[in-house]
Amino acid sequence: MALPMNAQVDPRDVHAQARFNMIEQQVRPWNVLDESVLELMGQIHREDFVPPEYQSMAYMDLEIPLKGTAEEAAKQGWHMLAPKIEARMLQDVQLKPSDRVLEIGSGSGYMAALLAAQAKEVVTMEIDPELAEMARENLLSAGVKNVEVKLANGATASLAQGTFDVIVLSGSVAEIPEALYAQLNEGGRIAAIVGHMPVMRFTLVTKNGNSFEVKKPWDIAASRLVGFEEPSRFSF
């Protein structure tokens, strides 16, 4: 039955439908089949982690600017990754309830909230003061208590934070810094999007004793994390 023309639609119903569509039309078809991850994507309300002017885009298959114009956001790393990327990273890193997690690139706090729901503790680092405060406020409003937001450049400051079971880079890098390998506990994993446009690879590094197993299971492109080195792509 059609609604009367003057009927008011509850915004919560609109977001609930968009959330369902995101899971069934974007996330699940992208080989995210872990039911715990799919349930989590439905439980944590993405619209609560985007700027008000972008709430209608919260569940679209795209990167959402968190401040400035879309071009500025992409250049400066002021963005949220597309939801299917966050979901697949979460699935592939295989979090355990005992894991201590480092995220680099807090953004709005959404990925930290996803990580915190499956891990014991999350330390998330954000280089931009405005976004760090946004992440703190969003996580507080969402009732997430096991996340610490730090204003820092995760590419250089993370060594002071101890070791971790999982390190997640919420944005792309040209290469994973060697310093991050040293921060992994035995069996620890690094999840990162590595490479250069137009094709990058999701890279999963696992520490096994004195060696590291590297897998690159899927291709994707994502905006850069700020603060990481850009080695030259050419040699002479």
Protein backbone atom coordinates (compact mmCIF):
# COMPACT_ATOMS: atom_id res chain seq x y z
CA MET A 1 0.00 0.00 0.00
CA ALA A 2 1.38 3.39 -0.96
CA LEU A 3 2.02 5.95 1.74
CA PRO A 4 -0.03 9.18 1.74
CA MET A 5 1.89 11.99 0.08
CA ASN A 6 2.20 13.87 3.37
CA ALA A 7 3.32 10.83 5.38
CA GLN A 8 6.56 11.14 7.32
CA VAL A 9 9.08 8.32 6.90
CA ASP A 10 10.99 7.40 10.05
CA PRO A 11 14.71 8.01 9.26
CA ARG A 12 15.56 4.93 11.32
CA ASP A 13 13.51 2.78 8.93
CA VAL A 14 15.28 4.31 5.94
CA HIS A 15 18.70 3.56 7.42
CA ALA A 16 17.65 0.05 8.43
CA GLN A 17 16.64 -0.72 4.85
CA ALA A 18 19.85 0.84 3.51
CA ARG A 19 21.86 -1.23 5.99
CA PHE A 20 20.15 -4.42 4.84
CA ASN A 21 20.72 -3.54 1.19
CA MET A 22 24.40 -2.80 1.87
CA ILE A 23 24.92 -6.24 3.40
CA GLU A 24 22.99 -8.19 0.76
CA GLN A 25 23.96 -6.22 -2.37
CA GLN A 26 27.51 -5.02 -1.60
CA VAL A 27 29.12 -6.93 1.24
CA ARG A 28 27.90 -10.51 0.83
CA PRO A 29 28.47 -10.61 -2.98
CA TRP A 30 32.05 -9.48 -2.33
CA ASN A 31 32.87 -12.86 -0.75
CA VAL A 32 32.17 -11.74 2.81
CA LEU A 33 30.43 -14.87 4.05
CA ASP A 34 31.40 -14.87 7.73
CA GLU A 35 28.03 -14.56 9.47
CA SER A 36 29.56 -12.88 12.52
CA VAL A 37 30.92 -10.10 10.29
CA LEU A 38 27.64 -9.74 8.41
CA GLU A 39 25.73 -9.50 11.68
CA LEU A 40 28.18 -6.90 12.98
CA MET A 41 27.74 -4.77 9.85
CA GLY A 42 24.04 -4.76 10.62
CA GLN A 43 24.43 -4.03 14.33
CA ILE A 44 26.78 -1.03 14.14
CA HIS A 45 25.01 1.91 12.55
CA ARG A 46 27.30 3.41 9.94
CA GLU A 47 25.14 6.54 9.63
CA ASP A 48 26.16 7.48 13.19
CA PHE A 49 29.81 7.69 12.05
CA VAL A 50 29.47 10.00 9.05
CA PRO A 51 29.07 13.79 8.96
CA PRO A 52 25.38 14.83 8.97
CA GLU A 53 25.56 16.09 5.40
CA TYR A 54 26.61 12.62 4.20
CA GLN A 55 24.18 10.47 6.19
CA SER A 56 22.14 9.70 3.08
CA MET A 57 25.33 8.24 1.54
CA ALA A 58 26.36 6.20 4.58
CA TYR A 59 25.60 2.85 2.98
CA MET A 60 26.68 3.56 -0.59
CA ASP A 61 29.53 1.65 -2.20
CA LEU A 62 32.04 4.50 -2.04
CA GLU A 63 34.51 6.35 0.15
CA ILE A 64 32.78 9.06 2.18
CA PRO A 65 34.55 12.40 2.79
CA LEU A 66 34.80 13.30 6.47
CA LYS A 67 35.78 16.95 5.95
CA GLY A 68 36.52 19.28 3.07
CA THR A 69 35.65 18.51 -0.53
CA ALA A 70 35.80 15.00 -1.99
CA GLU A 71 39.08 15.89 -3.72
CA GLU A 72 40.62 17.29 -0.53
CA ALA A 73 39.44 14.30 1.48
CA ALA A 74 41.04 11.83 -0.93
CA LYS A 75 44.31 13.77 -0.97
CA GLN A 76 44.52 14.28 2.79
CA GLY A 77 43.13 10.93 3.91
CA TRP A 78 39.95 12.44 5.33
CA HIS A 79 37.70 9.59 4.33
CA MET A 80 35.91 6.36 5.26
CA LEU A 81 36.67 3.28 3.24
CA ALA A 82 33.78 1.72 1.30
CA PRO A 83 31.80 -0.64 3.57
CA LYS A 84 32.57 -3.79 1.56
CA ILE A 85 36.31 -3.14 1.98
CA GLU A 86 35.99 -2.72 5.75
CA ALA A 87 33.89 -5.88 5.98
CA ARG A 88 36.29 -8.00 3.96
CA MET A 89 39.33 -6.74 5.86
CA LEU A 90 37.53 -7.59 9.09
CA GLN A 91 36.71 -11.07 7.81
CA ASP A 92 40.20 -11.84 6.53
CA VAL A 93 42.10 -10.67 9.62
CA GLN A 94 40.13 -13.20 11.75
CA LEU A 95 40.01 -11.39 15.06
CA LYS A 96 39.96 -13.27 18.35
CA PRO A 97 38.29 -12.05 21.58
CA SER A 98 41.74 -11.87 23.22
CA ASP A 99 43.35 -9.74 20.49
CA ARG A 100 44.97 -6.37 21.12
CA VAL A 101 44.54 -4.31 17.94
CA LEU A 102 46.28 -1.26 16.52
CA GLU A 103 44.40 0.67 13.84
CA ILE A 104 46.16 3.42 11.91
CA GLY A 105 43.78 5.98 10.44
CA SER A 106 40.84 6.39 12.84
CA GLY A 107 38.79 8.53 10.49
CA SER A 108 35.31 8.74 12.02
CA GLY A 109 35.82 5.77 14.35
CA TYR A 110 33.62 3.32 12.42
CA MET A 111 36.28 0.71 11.68
CA ALA A 112 37.51 0.98 15.26
CA ALA A 113 33.98 0.20 16.44
CA LEU A 114 33.86 -2.88 14.20
CA LEU A 115 37.25 -4.05 15.44
CA ALA A 116 36.34 -3.40 19.09
CA ALA A 117 33.25 -5.57 18.81
CA GLN A 118 35.41 -8.62 18.09
CA ALA A 119 38.63 -7.84 19.98
CA LYS A 120 39.66 -7.22 23.57
CA GLU A 121 41.25 -3.80 23.05
CA VAL A 122 41.79 -1.34 20.20
CA VAL A 123 44.27 1.52 20.01
CA THR A 124 43.44 3.70 17.02
CA MET A 125 45.67 6.50 15.76
CA GLU A 126 44.63 9.56 13.79
CA ILE A 127 46.99 12.21 12.47
CA ASP A 128 44.30 14.89 12.01
CA PRO A 129 43.10 16.57 15.26
CA GLU A 130 39.58 17.24 14.00
CA LEU A 131 39.07 13.64 12.92
CA ALA A 132 40.57 12.28 16.15
CA GLU A 133 37.99 14.27 18.10
CA MET A 134 35.24 13.12 15.73
CA ALA A 135 36.23 9.50 16.32
CA ARG A 136 36.25 9.97 20.10
CA GLU A 137 32.79 11.54 20.09
CA ASN A 138 31.31 8.95 17.75
CA LEU A 139 32.69 6.02 19.73
CA LEU A 140 31.47 7.56 22.99
CA SER A 141 27.99 8.11 21.54
CA ALA A 142 27.93 4.51 20.31
CA GLY A 143 28.85 3.21 23.77
CA VAL A 144 32.15 1.67 22.62
CA LYS A 145 34.42 1.52 25.67
CA ASN A 146 37.39 -0.64 24.65
CA VAL A 147 38.90 1.81 22.12
CA GLU A 148 41.56 4.43 22.84
CA VAL A 149 41.88 7.19 20.23
CA LYS A 150 45.35 8.72 20.00
CA LEU A 151 46.31 11.85 18.07
CA ALA A 152 49.49 10.65 16.36
CA ASN A 153 51.11 9.73 13.08
CA GLY A 154 50.79 5.95 13.14
CA ALA A 155 53.63 5.56 10.66
CA THR A 156 56.15 6.89 13.18
CA ALA A 157 54.60 7.07 16.66
CA SER A 158 53.21 3.57 17.05
CA LEU A 159 56.44 2.07 18.43
CA ALA A 160 55.65 3.56 21.82
CA GLN A 161 52.41 1.58 22.08
CA GLY A 162 53.83 -1.88 22.74
CA THR A 163 53.04 -4.96 20.68
CA PHE A 164 49.80 -6.09 19.06
CA ASP A 165 48.05 -9.19 17.81
CA VAL A 166 46.54 -7.33 14.85
CA ILE A 167 47.50 -4.12 13.01
CA VAL A 168 44.99 -2.67 10.56
CA LEU A 169 45.77 0.18 8.17
CA SER A 170 42.52 1.95 7.27
CA GLY A 171 43.74 3.37 3.98
CA SER A 172 46.33 2.48 1.38
CA VAL A 173 50.13 2.69 1.59
CA ALA A 174 52.90 2.26 -0.96
CA GLU A 175 54.51 -0.35 1.29
CA ILE A 176 54.18 -1.57 4.85
CA PRO A 177 56.83 0.06 7.08
CA GLU A 178 59.34 -2.37 8.57
CA ALA A 179 58.69 -0.91 12.03
CA LEU A 180 55.17 -2.35 12.04
CA TYR A 181 56.48 -5.90 11.61
CA ALA A 182 58.43 -5.50 14.84
CA GLN A 183 55.23 -4.69 16.72
CA LEU A 184 53.53 -8.02 16.02
CA ASN A 185 53.12 -10.68 18.66
CA GLU A 186 53.63 -14.30 17.62
CA GLY A 187 50.82 -15.25 15.25
CA GLY A 188 50.01 -11.55 14.79
CA ARG A 189 48.57 -10.17 11.56
CA ILE A 190 48.94 -6.94 9.59
CA ALA A 191 46.07 -6.04 7.26
CA ALA A 192 46.81 -3.33 4.69
CA ILE A 193 45.99 -2.17 1.17
CA VAL A 194 49.34 -1.89 -0.58
CA GLY A 195 50.49 -0.54 -3.93
CA HIS A 196 49.81 2.25 -6.39
CA MET A 197 46.86 3.37 -8.46
CA PRO A 198 45.08 2.03 -10.39
CA VAL A 199 45.57 -1.42 -8.85
CA MET A 200 46.48 -2.19 -5.25
CA ARG A 201 46.43 -5.46 -3.34
CA PHE A 202 44.97 -6.27 0.02
CA THR A 203 47.96 -7.68 1.89
CA LEU A 204 47.77 -9.92 4.95
CA VAL A 205 51.03 -10.52 6.82
CA THR A 206 51.21 -13.20 9.53
CA LYS A 207 54.14 -13.59 11.93
CA ASN A 208 55.36 -17.17 12.29
CA GLY A 209 58.41 -17.27 14.56
CA ASN A 210 61.18 -15.34 12.83
CA SER A 211 59.45 -15.31 9.44
CA PHE A 212 56.43 -13.60 7.94
CA GLU A 213 53.85 -15.22 5.69
CA VAL A 214 52.43 -12.79 3.11
CA LYS A 215 49.16 -13.29 1.24
CA LYS A 216 47.60 -10.94 -1.32
CA PRO A 217 44.14 -12.40 -1.92
CA TRP A 218 42.30 -9.56 -3.64
CA ASP A 219 42.68 -6.33 -5.62
CA ILE A 220 41.23 -2.98 -4.62
CA ALA A 221 42.08 0.73 -4.79
CA ALA A 222 41.75 3.09 -1.83
CA SER A 223 42.80 6.58 -0.79
CA ARG A 224 46.18 7.03 0.85
CA LEU A 225 46.95 7.16 4.54
CA VAL A 226 48.79 10.40 5.27
CA GLY A 227 52.23 10.27 6.89
CA PHE A 228 53.58 7.16 5.19
CA GLU A 229 56.57 7.33 2.85
CA GLU A 230 56.12 7.14 -0.89
CA PRO A 231 59.21 5.31 -2.22
CA SER A 232 60.12 5.99 -5.82
CA ARG A 233 58.54 3.55 -8.28
CA PHE A 234 61.48 3.89 -10.65
CA SER A 235 65.03 2.60 -10.46
CA PHE A 236 68.00 3.53 -12.64
